Amino acid sequence: MILKVIVDEKTIPIEVPDYMLVEAEEFFNKMDIDMDAGWQMSREWVDNPDNIQRCQIAADKILTSIHRENEKIATLMAAYILKKLPNISSVDVDTEGDITQTSFTEG
């Protein structure tokens, strides 16, 4: 599977092996447990993020991973998004500091 990550009008394809969606389940569960306690999303505290918000958080982590050239974390976060939102083909990551403006496209 490929998740297209759009950053400042540049598309970065992240290839996620199918097996990762299953093998990283424990990691994904830990992420969800962390987010169950609430998350700071830009200026707003969200007590219990929904699936879209959780994926916006993961997309923000992809952005950080791209800047840090950490391909492993970027791939894990892409896998998380594909697991939570299986019909998504791309994510347009907000780079202006408002995580809630990150959007997803089905495809």
PDB file of N, CA and C in Angstrom:
ATOM      1  N   MET A   1       0.842  -1.183   0.000  1.00  0.00           N
ATOM      2  CA  MET A   1       0.000   0.000   0.000  1.00  0.00           C
ATOM      3  C   MET A   1       0.887   1.245   0.000  1.00  0.00           C
ATOM      4  N   ILE A   2       0.368   2.272  -0.617  1.00  0.00           N
ATOM      5  CA  ILE A   2       1.107   3.533  -0.646  1.00  0.00           C
ATOM      6  C   ILE A   2       0.201   4.628  -0.114  1.00  0.00           C
ATOM      7  N   LEU A   3       0.717   5.405   0.818  1.00  0.00           N
ATOM      8  CA  LEU A   3       0.030   6.594   1.298  1.00  0.00           C
ATOM      9  C   LEU A   3       0.787   7.787   0.736  1.00  0.00           C
ATOM     10  N   LYS A   4       0.071   8.625   0.000  1.00  0.00           N
ATOM     11  CA  LYS A   4       0.689   9.836  -0.544  1.00  0.00           C
ATOM     12  C   LYS A   4       0.599  10.917   0.524  1.00  0.00           C
ATOM     13  N   VAL A   5       1.741  11.454   0.911  1.00  0.00           N
ATOM     14  CA  VAL A   5       1.807  12.508   1.909  1.00  0.00           C
ATOM     15  C   VAL A   5       2.155  13.803   1.187  1.00  0.00           C
ATOM     16  N   ILE A   6       1.267  14.777   1.299  1.00  0.00           N
ATOM     17  CA  ILE A   6       1.468  16.057   0.614  1.00  0.00           C
ATOM     18  C   ILE A   6       1.948  17.071   1.638  1.00  0.00           C
ATOM     19  N   VAL A   7       3.134  17.609   1.380  1.00  0.00           N
ATOM     20  CA  VAL A   7       3.742  18.598   2.262  1.00  0.00           C
ATOM     21  C   VAL A   7       4.128  19.787   1.399  1.00  0.00           C
ATOM     22  N   ASP A   8       3.481  20.920   1.653  1.00  0.00           N
ATOM     23  CA  ASP A   8       3.781  22.128   0.874  1.00  0.00           C
ATOM     24  C   ASP A   8       3.739  21.862  -0.635  1.00  0.00           C
ATOM     25  N   GLU A   9       2.683  21.227  -1.103  1.00  0.00           N
ATOM     26  CA  GLU A   9       2.441  20.928  -2.510  1.00  0.00           C
ATOM     27  C   GLU A   9       3.404  19.905  -3.107  1.00  0.00           C
ATOM     28  N   LYS A  10       4.244  19.304  -2.278  1.00  0.00           N
ATOM     29  CA  LYS A  10       5.139  18.237  -2.736  1.00  0.00           C
ATOM     30  C   LYS A  10       4.560  16.914  -2.247  1.00  0.00           C
ATOM     31  N   THR A  11       4.427  15.947  -3.153  1.00  0.00           N
ATOM     32  CA  THR A  11       3.876  14.644  -2.799  1.00  0.00           C
ATOM     33  C   THR A  11       5.008  13.658  -2.528  1.00  0.00           C
ATOM     34  N   ILE A  12       4.926  13.039  -1.346  1.00  0.00           N
ATOM     35  CA  ILE A  12       5.915  12.056  -0.924  1.00  0.00           C
ATOM     36  C   ILE A  12       5.187  10.728  -0.735  1.00  0.00           C
ATOM     37  N   PRO A  13       5.426   9.751  -1.603  1.00  0.00           N
ATOM     38  CA  PRO A  13       4.767   8.455  -1.428  1.00  0.00           C
ATOM     39  C   PRO A  13       5.484   7.642  -0.350  1.00  0.00           C
ATOM     40  N   ILE A  14       4.702   7.133   0.590  1.00  0.00           N
ATOM     41  CA  ILE A  14       5.272   6.272   1.624  1.00  0.00           C
ATOM     42  C   ILE A  14       4.702   4.873   1.408  1.00  0.00           C
ATOM     43  N   GLU A  15       5.583   3.939   1.133  1.00  0.00           N
ATOM     44  CA  GLU A  15       5.162   2.564   0.902  1.00  0.00           C
ATOM     45  C   GLU A  15       5.065   1.830   2.230  1.00  0.00           C
ATOM     46  N   VAL A  16       3.884   1.285   2.480  1.00  0.00           N
ATOM     47  CA  VAL A  16       3.619   0.548   3.709  1.00  0.00           C
ATOM     48  C   VAL A  16       3.382  -0.915   3.336  1.00  0.00           C
ATOM     49  N   PRO A  17       4.276  -1.797   3.774  1.00  0.00           N
ATOM     50  CA  PRO A  17       4.049  -3.218   3.493  1.00  0.00           C
ATOM     51  C   PRO A  17       2.761  -3.698   4.169  1.00  0.00           C
ATOM     52  N   ASP A  18       2.007  -4.542   3.492  1.00  0.00           N
ATOM     53  CA  ASP A  18       0.733  -5.030   4.034  1.00  0.00           C
ATOM     54  C   ASP A  18       0.899  -5.669   5.412  1.00  0.00           C
ATOM     55  N   TYR A  19       1.976  -6.422   5.602  1.00  0.00           N
ATOM     56  CA  TYR A  19       2.173  -7.115   6.876  1.00  0.00           C
ATOM     57  C   TYR A  19       2.296  -6.148   8.061  1.00  0.00           C
ATOM     58  N   MET A  20       2.745  -4.916   7.784  1.00  0.00           N
ATOM     59  CA  MET A  20       2.951  -3.956   8.867  1.00  0.00           C
ATOM     60  C   MET A  20       1.634  -3.597   9.564  1.00  0.00           C
ATOM     61  N   LEU A  21       0.524  -3.605   8.825  1.00  0.00           N
ATOM     62  CA  LEU A  21      -0.765  -3.270   9.419  1.00  0.00           C
ATOM     63  C   LEU A  21      -1.140  -4.262  10.515  1.00  0.00           C
ATOM     64  N   VAL A  22      -0.648  -5.494  10.402  1.00  0.00           N
ATOM     65  CA  VAL A  22      -0.928  -6.529  11.396  1.00  0.00           C
ATOM     66  C   VAL A  22       0.179  -6.577  12.449  1.00  0.00           C
ATOM     67  N   GLU A  23       1.415  -6.591  11.990  1.00  0.00           N
ATOM     68  CA  GLU A  23       2.542  -6.767  12.911  1.00  0.00           C
ATOM     69  C   GLU A  23       2.755  -5.576  13.844  1.00  0.00           C
ATOM     70  N   ALA A  24       2.297  -4.403  13.458  1.00  0.00           N
ATOM     71  CA  ALA A  24       2.475  -3.216  14.305  1.00  0.00           C
ATOM     72  C   ALA A  24       1.256  -2.960  15.196  1.00  0.00           C
ATOM     73  N   GLU A  25       0.346  -3.902  15.276  1.00  0.00           N
ATOM     74  CA  GLU A  25      -0.887  -3.729  16.051  1.00  0.00           C
ATOM     75  C   GLU A  25      -0.611  -3.332  17.505  1.00  0.00           C
ATOM     76  N   GLU A  26       0.368  -3.959  18.127  1.00  0.00           N
ATOM     77  CA  GLU A  26       0.701  -3.624  19.518  1.00  0.00           C
ATOM     78  C   GLU A  26       1.162  -2.167  19.634  1.00  0.00           C
ATOM     79  N   PHE A  27       1.971  -1.732  18.696  1.00  0.00           N
ATOM     80  CA  PHE A  27       2.430  -0.339  18.667  1.00  0.00           C
ATOM     81  C   PHE A  27       1.248   0.608  18.492  1.00  0.00           C
ATOM     82  N   PHE A  28       0.340   0.262  17.572  1.00  0.00           N
ATOM     83  CA  PHE A  28      -0.846   1.087  17.344  1.00  0.00           C
ATOM     84  C   PHE A  28      -1.713   1.161  18.600  1.00  0.00           C
ATOM     85  N   ASN A  29      -1.842   0.047  19.298  1.00  0.00           N
ATOM     86  CA  ASN A  29      -2.620   0.039  20.544  1.00  0.00           C
ATOM     87  C   ASN A  29      -2.010   0.962  21.591  1.00  0.00           C
ATOM     88  N   LYS A  30      -0.685   0.985  21.673  1.00  0.00           N
ATOM     89  CA  LYS A  30      -0.007   1.890  22.616  1.00  0.00           C
ATOM     90  C   LYS A  30      -0.257   3.351  22.231  1.00  0.00           C
ATOM     91  N   MET A  31      -0.241   3.619  20.939  1.00  0.00           N
ATOM     92  CA  MET A  31      -0.541   4.981  20.480  1.00  0.00           C
ATOM     93  C   MET A  31      -1.953   5.382  20.913  1.00  0.00           C
ATOM     94  N   ASP A  32      -2.898   4.474  20.708  1.00  0.00           N
ATOM     95  CA  ASP A  32      -4.289   4.763  21.070  1.00  0.00           C
ATOM     96  C   ASP A  32      -4.441   4.973  22.573  1.00  0.00           C
ATOM     97  N   ILE A  33      -3.754   4.176  23.367  1.00  0.00           N
ATOM     98  CA  ILE A  33      -3.812   4.348  24.825  1.00  0.00           C
ATOM     99  C   ILE A  33      -3.277   5.723  25.205  1.00  0.00           C
ATOM    100  N   ASP A  34      -2.176   6.139  24.593  1.00  0.00           N
ATOM    101  CA  ASP A  34      -1.621   7.478  24.859  1.00  0.00           C
ATOM    102  C   ASP A  34      -2.629   8.564  24.493  1.00  0.00           C
ATOM    103  N   MET A  35      -3.275   8.407  23.348  1.00  0.00           N
ATOM    104  CA  MET A  35      -4.225   9.429  22.887  1.00  0.00           C
ATOM    105  C   MET A  35      -5.535   9.391  23.673  1.00  0.00           C
ATOM    106  N   ASP A  36      -5.860   8.241  24.271  1.00  0.00           N
ATOM    107  CA  ASP A  36      -7.074   8.140  25.089  1.00  0.00           C
ATOM    108  C   ASP A  36      -7.052   9.118  26.258  1.00  0.00           C
ATOM    109  N   ALA A  37      -5.854   9.492  26.697  1.00  0.00           N
ATOM    110  CA  ALA A  37      -5.715  10.429  27.811  1.00  0.00           C
ATOM    111  C   ALA A  37      -5.879  11.880  27.377  1.00  0.00           C
ATOM    112  N   GLY A  38      -6.066  12.101  26.068  1.00  0.00           N
ATOM    113  CA  GLY A  38      -6.203  13.456  25.535  1.00  0.00           C
ATOM    114  C   GLY A  38      -4.941  13.868  24.804  1.00  0.00           C
ATOM    115  N   TRP A  39      -5.087  14.913  23.979  1.00  0.00           N
ATOM    116  CA  TRP A  39      -3.946  15.354  23.164  1.00  0.00           C
ATOM    117  C   TRP A  39      -4.083  16.841  22.870  1.00  0.00           C
ATOM    118  N   GLN A  40      -2.962  17.529  22.904  1.00  0.00           N
ATOM    119  CA  GLN A  40      -2.929  18.935  22.532  1.00  0.00           C
ATOM    120  C   GLN A  40      -2.863  19.010  21.011  1.00  0.00           C
ATOM    121  N   MET A  41      -3.916  19.538  20.406  1.00  0.00           N
ATOM    122  CA  MET A  41      -3.965  19.676  18.956  1.00  0.00           C
ATOM    123  C   MET A  41      -3.954  21.162  18.630  1.00  0.00           C
ATOM    124  N   SER A  42      -2.753  21.638  18.327  1.00  0.00           N
ATOM    125  CA  SER A  42      -2.529  23.071  18.115  1.00  0.00           C
ATOM    126  C   SER A  42      -2.909  23.813  19.386  1.00  0.00           C
ATOM    127  N   ARG A  43      -3.891  24.708  19.320  1.00  0.00           N
ATOM    128  CA  ARG A  43      -4.251  25.506  20.507  1.00  0.00           C
ATOM    129  C   ARG A  43      -5.323  24.843  21.360  1.00  0.00           C
ATOM    130  N   GLU A  44      -5.876  23.734  20.884  1.00  0.00           N
ATOM    131  CA  GLU A  44      -7.009  23.112  21.550  1.00  0.00           C
ATOM    132  C   GLU A  44      -6.614  21.783  22.185  1.00  0.00           C
ATOM    133  N   TRP A  45      -7.080  21.574  23.429  1.00  0.00           N
ATOM    134  CA  TRP A  45      -6.915  20.282  24.078  1.00  0.00           C
ATOM    135  C   TRP A  45      -8.120  19.434  23.720  1.00  0.00           C
ATOM    136  N   VAL A  46      -7.869  18.217  23.228  1.00  0.00           N
ATOM    137  CA  VAL A  46      -8.944  17.297  22.871  1.00  0.00           C
ATOM    138  C   VAL A  46      -8.900  16.140  23.861  1.00  0.00           C
ATOM    139  N   ASP A  47      -9.980  15.972  24.639  1.00  0.00           N
ATOM    140  CA  ASP A  47     -10.019  14.953  25.688  1.00  0.00           C
ATOM    141  C   ASP A  47      -9.894  13.535  25.149  1.00  0.00           C
ATOM    142  N   ASN A  48     -10.616  13.234  24.098  1.00  0.00           N
ATOM    143  CA  ASN A  48     -10.585  11.891  23.531  1.00  0.00           C
ATOM    144  C   ASN A  48     -10.666  12.016  22.011  1.00  0.00           C
ATOM    145  N   PRO A  49      -9.525  12.106  21.336  1.00  0.00           N
ATOM    146  CA  PRO A  49      -9.539  12.304  19.885  1.00  0.00           C
ATOM    147  C   PRO A  49     -10.291  11.194  19.154  1.00  0.00           C
ATOM    148  N   ASP A  50     -11.060  11.592  18.128  1.00  0.00           N
ATOM    149  CA  ASP A  50     -11.735  10.604  17.282  1.00  0.00           C
ATOM    150  C   ASP A  50     -10.730  10.066  16.248  1.00  0.00           C
ATOM    151  N   ASN A  51     -11.190   9.160  15.383  1.00  0.00           N
ATOM    152  CA  ASN A  51     -10.281   8.541  14.404  1.00  0.00           C
ATOM    153  C   ASN A  51      -9.602   9.568  13.502  1.00  0.00           C
ATOM    154  N   ILE A  52     -10.358  10.539  13.017  1.00  0.00           N
ATOM    155  CA  ILE A  52      -9.762  11.562  12.144  1.00  0.00           C
ATOM    156  C   ILE A  52      -8.695  12.341  12.908  1.00  0.00           C
ATOM    157  N   GLN A  53      -9.005  12.760  14.122  1.00  0.00           N
ATOM    158  CA  GLN A  53      -8.034  13.513  14.916  1.00  0.00           C
ATOM    159  C   GLN A  53      -6.797  12.673  15.223  1.00  0.00           C
ATOM    160  N   ARG A  54      -6.996  11.406  15.515  1.00  0.00           N
ATOM    161  CA  ARG A  54      -5.852  10.520  15.773  1.00  0.00           C
ATOM    162  C   ARG A  54      -4.964  10.431  14.531  1.00  0.00           C
ATOM    163  N   CYS A  55      -5.586  10.387  13.369  1.00  0.00           N
ATOM    164  CA  CYS A  55      -4.817  10.334  12.133  1.00  0.00           C
ATOM    165  C   CYS A  55      -4.151  11.675  11.825  1.00  0.00           C
ATOM    166  N   GLN A  56      -4.774  12.774  12.229  1.00  0.00           N
ATOM    167  CA  GLN A  56      -4.120  14.077  12.085  1.00  0.00           C
ATOM    168  C   GLN A  56      -2.873  14.133  12.967  1.00  0.00           C
ATOM    169  N   ILE A  57      -2.955  13.565  14.146  1.00  0.00           N
ATOM    170  CA  ILE A  57      -1.795  13.503  15.053  1.00  0.00           C
ATOM    171  C   ILE A  57      -0.699  12.658  14.406  1.00  0.00           C
ATOM    172  N   ALA A  58      -1.066  11.502  13.860  1.00  0.00           N
ATOM    173  CA  ALA A  58      -0.090  10.636  13.197  1.00  0.00           C
ATOM    174  C   ALA A  58       0.529  11.338  11.982  1.00  0.00           C
ATOM    175  N   ALA A  59      -0.277  12.087  11.241  1.00  0.00           N
ATOM    176  CA  ALA A  59       0.236  12.824  10.077  1.00  0.00           C
ATOM    177  C   ALA A  59       1.244  13.881  10.514  1.00  0.00           C
ATOM    178  N   ASP A  60       0.979  14.516  11.651  1.00  0.00           N
ATOM    179  CA  ASP A  60       1.930  15.498  12.181  1.00  0.00           C
ATOM    180  C   ASP A  60       3.255  14.811  12.532  1.00  0.00           C
ATOM    181  N   LYS A  61       3.158  13.593  13.040  1.00  0.00           N
ATOM    182  CA  LYS A  61       4.375  12.829  13.346  1.00  0.00           C
ATOM    183  C   LYS A  61       5.104  12.436  12.058  1.00  0.00           C
ATOM    184  N   ILE A  62       4.351  12.194  10.984  1.00  0.00           N
ATOM    185  CA  ILE A  62       4.993  11.929   9.694  1.00  0.00           C
ATOM    186  C   ILE A  62       5.795  13.146   9.260  1.00  0.00           C
ATOM    187  N   LEU A  63       5.199  14.322   9.389  1.00  0.00           N
ATOM    188  CA  LEU A  63       5.891  15.556   9.014  1.00  0.00           C
ATOM    189  C   LEU A  63       7.207  15.689   9.777  1.00  0.00           C
ATOM    190  N   THR A  64       7.153  15.467  11.081  1.00  0.00           N
ATOM    191  CA  THR A  64       8.369  15.532  11.902  1.00  0.00           C
ATOM    192  C   THR A  64       9.378  14.493  11.441  1.00  0.00           C
ATOM    193  N   SER A  65       8.899  13.297  11.152  1.00  0.00           N
ATOM    194  CA  SER A  65       9.793  12.214  10.711  1.00  0.00           C
ATOM    195  C   SER A  65      10.452  12.533   9.381  1.00  0.00           C
ATOM    196  N   ILE A  66       9.703  13.155   8.489  1.00  0.00           N
ATOM    197  CA  ILE A  66      10.275  13.552   7.195  1.00  0.00           C
ATOM    198  C   ILE A  66      11.392  14.564   7.408  1.00  0.00           C
ATOM    199  N   HIS A  67      11.139  15.546   8.263  1.00  0.00           N
ATOM    200  CA  HIS A  67      12.168  16.557   8.532  1.00  0.00           C
ATOM    201  C   HIS A  67      13.408  15.959   9.203  1.00  0.00           C
ATOM    202  N   ARG A  68      13.200  14.932  10.010  1.00  0.00           N
ATOM    203  CA  ARG A  68      14.311  14.279  10.713  1.00  0.00           C
ATOM    204  C   ARG A  68      14.888  13.108   9.926  1.00  0.00           C
ATOM    205  N   GLU A  69      14.333  12.863   8.735  1.00  0.00           N
ATOM    206  CA  GLU A  69      14.766  11.775   7.867  1.00  0.00           C
ATOM    207  C   GLU A  69      14.671  10.423   8.571  1.00  0.00           C
ATOM    208  N   ASN A  70      13.586  10.242   9.333  1.00  0.00           N
ATOM    209  CA  ASN A  70      13.349   8.995  10.049  1.00  0.00           C
ATOM    210  C   ASN A  70      12.272   8.203   9.291  1.00  0.00           C
ATOM    211  N   GLU A  71      12.719   7.437   8.323  1.00  0.00           N
ATOM    212  CA  GLU A  71      11.811   6.704   7.442  1.00  0.00           C
ATOM    213  C   GLU A  71      10.984   5.663   8.201  1.00  0.00           C
ATOM    214  N   LYS A  72      11.578   5.048   9.207  1.00  0.00           N
ATOM    215  CA  LYS A  72      10.872   3.999   9.958  1.00  0.00           C
ATOM    216  C   LYS A  72       9.627   4.563  10.649  1.00  0.00           C
ATOM    217  N   ILE A  73       9.770   5.672  11.346  1.00  0.00           N
ATOM    218  CA  ILE A  73       8.624   6.269  12.045  1.00  0.00           C
ATOM    219  C   ILE A  73       7.601   6.792  11.041  1.00  0.00           C
ATOM    220  N   ALA A  74       8.067   7.379   9.961  1.00  0.00           N
ATOM    221  CA  ALA A  74       7.139   7.866   8.931  1.00  0.00           C
ATOM    222  C   ALA A  74       6.304   6.706   8.387  1.00  0.00           C
ATOM    223  N   THR A  75       6.932   5.570   8.159  1.00  0.00           N
ATOM    224  CA  THR A  75       6.216   4.402   7.644  1.00  0.00           C
ATOM    225  C   THR A  75       5.243   3.858   8.685  1.00  0.00           C
ATOM    226  N   LEU A  76       5.656   3.806   9.947  1.00  0.00           N
ATOM    227  CA  LEU A  76       4.758   3.353  11.018  1.00  0.00           C
ATOM    228  C   LEU A  76       3.539   4.260  11.139  1.00  0.00           C
ATOM    229  N   MET A  77       3.754   5.566  11.058  1.00  0.00           N
ATOM    230  CA  MET A  77       2.632   6.504  11.168  1.00  0.00           C
ATOM    231  C   MET A  77       1.706   6.393   9.949  1.00  0.00           C
ATOM    232  N   ALA A  78       2.288   6.179   8.777  1.00  0.00           N
ATOM    233  CA  ALA A  78       1.478   5.968   7.577  1.00  0.00           C
ATOM    234  C   ALA A  78       0.652   4.690   7.728  1.00  0.00           C
ATOM    235  N   ALA A  79       1.256   3.651   8.290  1.00  0.00           N
ATOM    236  CA  ALA A  79       0.536   2.395   8.518  1.00  0.00           C
ATOM    237  C   ALA A  79      -0.613   2.611   9.498  1.00  0.00           C
ATOM    238  N   TYR A  80      -0.373   3.396  10.534  1.00  0.00           N
ATOM    239  CA  TYR A  80      -1.421   3.705  11.517  1.00  0.00           C
ATOM    240  C   TYR A  80      -2.612   4.379  10.821  1.00  0.00           C
ATOM    241  N   ILE A  81      -2.311   5.349   9.975  1.00  0.00           N
ATOM    242  CA  ILE A  81      -3.378   6.055   9.254  1.00  0.00           C
ATOM    243  C   ILE A  81      -4.147   5.082   8.360  1.00  0.00           C
ATOM    244  N   LEU A  82      -3.436   4.232   7.637  1.00  0.00           N
ATOM    245  CA  LEU A  82      -4.092   3.275   6.749  1.00  0.00           C
ATOM    246  C   LEU A  82      -4.910   2.245   7.524  1.00  0.00           C
ATOM    247  N   LYS A  83      -4.481   1.943   8.729  1.00  0.00           N
ATOM    248  CA  LYS A  83      -5.231   1.002   9.580  1.00  0.00           C
ATOM    249  C   LYS A  83      -6.526   1.654  10.073  1.00  0.00           C
ATOM    250  N   LYS A  84      -6.431   2.909  10.507  1.00  0.00           N
ATOM    251  CA  LYS A  84      -7.590   3.622  11.058  1.00  0.00           C
ATOM    252  C   LYS A  84      -8.567   4.066   9.967  1.00  0.00           C
ATOM    253  N   LEU A  85      -8.026   4.486   8.832  1.00  0.00           N
ATOM    254  CA  LEU A  85      -8.839   5.006   7.722  1.00  0.00           C
ATOM    255  C   LEU A  85      -8.462   4.245   6.451  1.00  0.00           C
ATOM    256  N   PRO A  86      -8.950   3.002   6.309  1.00  0.00           N
ATOM    257  CA  PRO A  86      -8.482   2.133   5.220  1.00  0.00           C
ATOM    258  C   PRO A  86      -8.767   2.619   3.800  1.00  0.00           C
ATOM    259  N   ASN A  87      -9.676   3.540   3.608  1.00  0.00           N
ATOM    260  CA  ASN A  87      -9.998   4.014   2.259  1.00  0.00           C
ATOM    261  C   ASN A  87      -9.208   5.266   1.858  1.00  0.00           C
ATOM    262  N   ILE A  88      -8.301   5.687   2.706  1.00  0.00           N
ATOM    263  CA  ILE A  88      -7.532   6.914   2.456  1.00  0.00           C
ATOM    264  C   ILE A  88      -6.393   6.635   1.474  1.00  0.00           C
ATOM    265  N   SER A  89      -6.214   7.541   0.528  1.00  0.00           N
ATOM    266  CA  SER A  89      -5.102   7.400  -0.422  1.00  0.00           C
ATOM    267  C   SER A  89      -4.036   8.477  -0.206  1.00  0.00           C
ATOM    268  N   SER A  90      -4.460   9.626   0.362  1.00  0.00           N
ATOM    269  CA  SER A  90      -3.475  10.689   0.579  1.00  0.00           C
ATOM    270  C   SER A  90      -3.843  11.536   1.797  1.00  0.00           C
ATOM    271  N   VAL A  91      -2.816  12.184   2.306  1.00  0.00           N
ATOM    272  CA  VAL A  91      -2.985  13.110   3.428  1.00  0.00           C
ATOM    273  C   VAL A  91      -2.240  14.392   3.092  1.00  0.00           C
ATOM    274  N   ASP A  92      -2.926  15.508   3.240  1.00  0.00           N
ATOM    275  CA  ASP A  92      -2.343  16.823   3.005  1.00  0.00           C
ATOM    276  C   ASP A  92      -2.032  17.410   4.379  1.00  0.00           C
ATOM    277  N   VAL A  93      -0.761  17.386   4.746  1.00  0.00           N
ATOM    278  CA  VAL A  93      -0.332  17.765   6.095  1.00  0.00           C
ATOM    279  C   VAL A  93      -0.189  19.273   6.201  1.00  0.00           C
ATOM    280  N   ASP A  94      -0.877  19.850   7.199  1.00  0.00           N
ATOM    281  CA  ASP A  94      -0.768  21.285   7.434  1.00  0.00           C
ATOM    282  C   ASP A  94       0.632  21.607   7.954  1.00  0.00           C
ATOM    283  N   THR A  95       1.258  22.621   7.377  1.00  0.00           N
ATOM    284  CA  THR A  95       2.593  23.030   7.807  1.00  0.00           C
ATOM    285  C   THR A  95       2.585  24.424   8.425  1.00  0.00           C
ATOM    286  N   GLU A  96       1.386  24.949   8.651  1.00  0.00           N
ATOM    287  CA  GLU A  96       1.255  26.301   9.206  1.00  0.00           C
ATOM    288  C   GLU A  96       1.038  26.299  10.718  1.00  0.00           C
ATOM    289  N   GLY A  97       1.107  25.117  11.326  1.00  0.00           N
ATOM    290  CA  GLY A  97       0.991  25.053  12.780  1.00  0.00           C
ATOM    291  C   GLY A  97      -0.388  24.713  13.302  1.00  0.00           C
ATOM    292  N   ASP A  98      -1.336  24.350  12.424  1.00  0.00           N
ATOM    293  CA  ASP A  98      -2.672  23.986  12.881  1.00  0.00           C
ATOM    294  C   ASP A  98      -2.975  22.554  12.438  1.00  0.00           C
ATOM    295  N   ILE A  99      -2.686  21.633  13.325  1.00  0.00           N
ATOM    296  CA  ILE A  99      -2.836  20.204  13.048  1.00  0.00           C
ATOM    297  C   ILE A  99      -4.252  19.855  12.590  1.00  0.00           C
ATOM    298  N   THR A 100      -5.233  20.627  13.031  1.00  0.00           N
ATOM    299  CA  THR A 100      -6.625  20.337  12.686  1.00  0.00           C
ATOM    300  C   THR A 100      -6.935  20.648  11.222  1.00  0.00           C
ATOM    301  N   GLN A 101      -6.028  21.311  10.523  1.00  0.00           N
ATOM    302  CA  GLN A 101      -6.211  21.614   9.105  1.00  0.00           C
ATOM    303  C   GLN A 101      -5.646  20.529   8.185  1.00  0.00           C
ATOM    304  N   THR A 102      -5.034  19.507   8.765  1.00  0.00           N
ATOM    305  CA  THR A 102      -4.565  18.365   7.983  1.00  0.00           C
ATOM    306  C   THR A 102      -5.789  17.635   7.452  1.00  0.00           C
ATOM    307  N   SER A 103      -5.760  17.305   6.148  1.00  0.00           N
ATOM    308  CA  SER A 103      -6.938  16.690   5.538  1.00  0.00           C
ATOM    309  C   SER A 103      -6.551  15.389   4.833  1.00  0.00           C
ATOM    310  N   PHE A 104      -7.569  14.560   4.635  1.00  0.00           N
ATOM    311  CA  PHE A 104      -7.401  13.241   4.031  1.00  0.00           C
ATOM    312  C   PHE A 104      -8.267  13.123   2.793  1.00  0.00           C
ATOM    313  N   THR A 105      -7.773  12.352   1.815  1.00  0.00           N
ATOM    314  CA  THR A 105      -8.511  12.120   0.582  1.00  0.00           C
ATOM    315  C   THR A 105      -8.679  10.629   0.389  1.00  0.00           C
ATOM    316  N   GLU A 106      -9.909  10.244   0.097  1.00  0.00           N
ATOM    317  CA  GLU A 106     -10.160   8.840  -0.210  1.00  0.00           C
ATOM    318  C   GLU A 106      -9.792   8.565  -1.654  1.00  0.00           C
ATOM    319  N   GLY A 107      -9.459   7.319  -1.903  1.00  0.00           N
ATOM    320  CA  GLY A 107      -9.113   7.023  -3.275  1.00  0.00           C
ATOM    321  C   GLY A 107      -8.942   5.630  -3.538  1.00  0.00           C
TER     322      GLY A 107
END
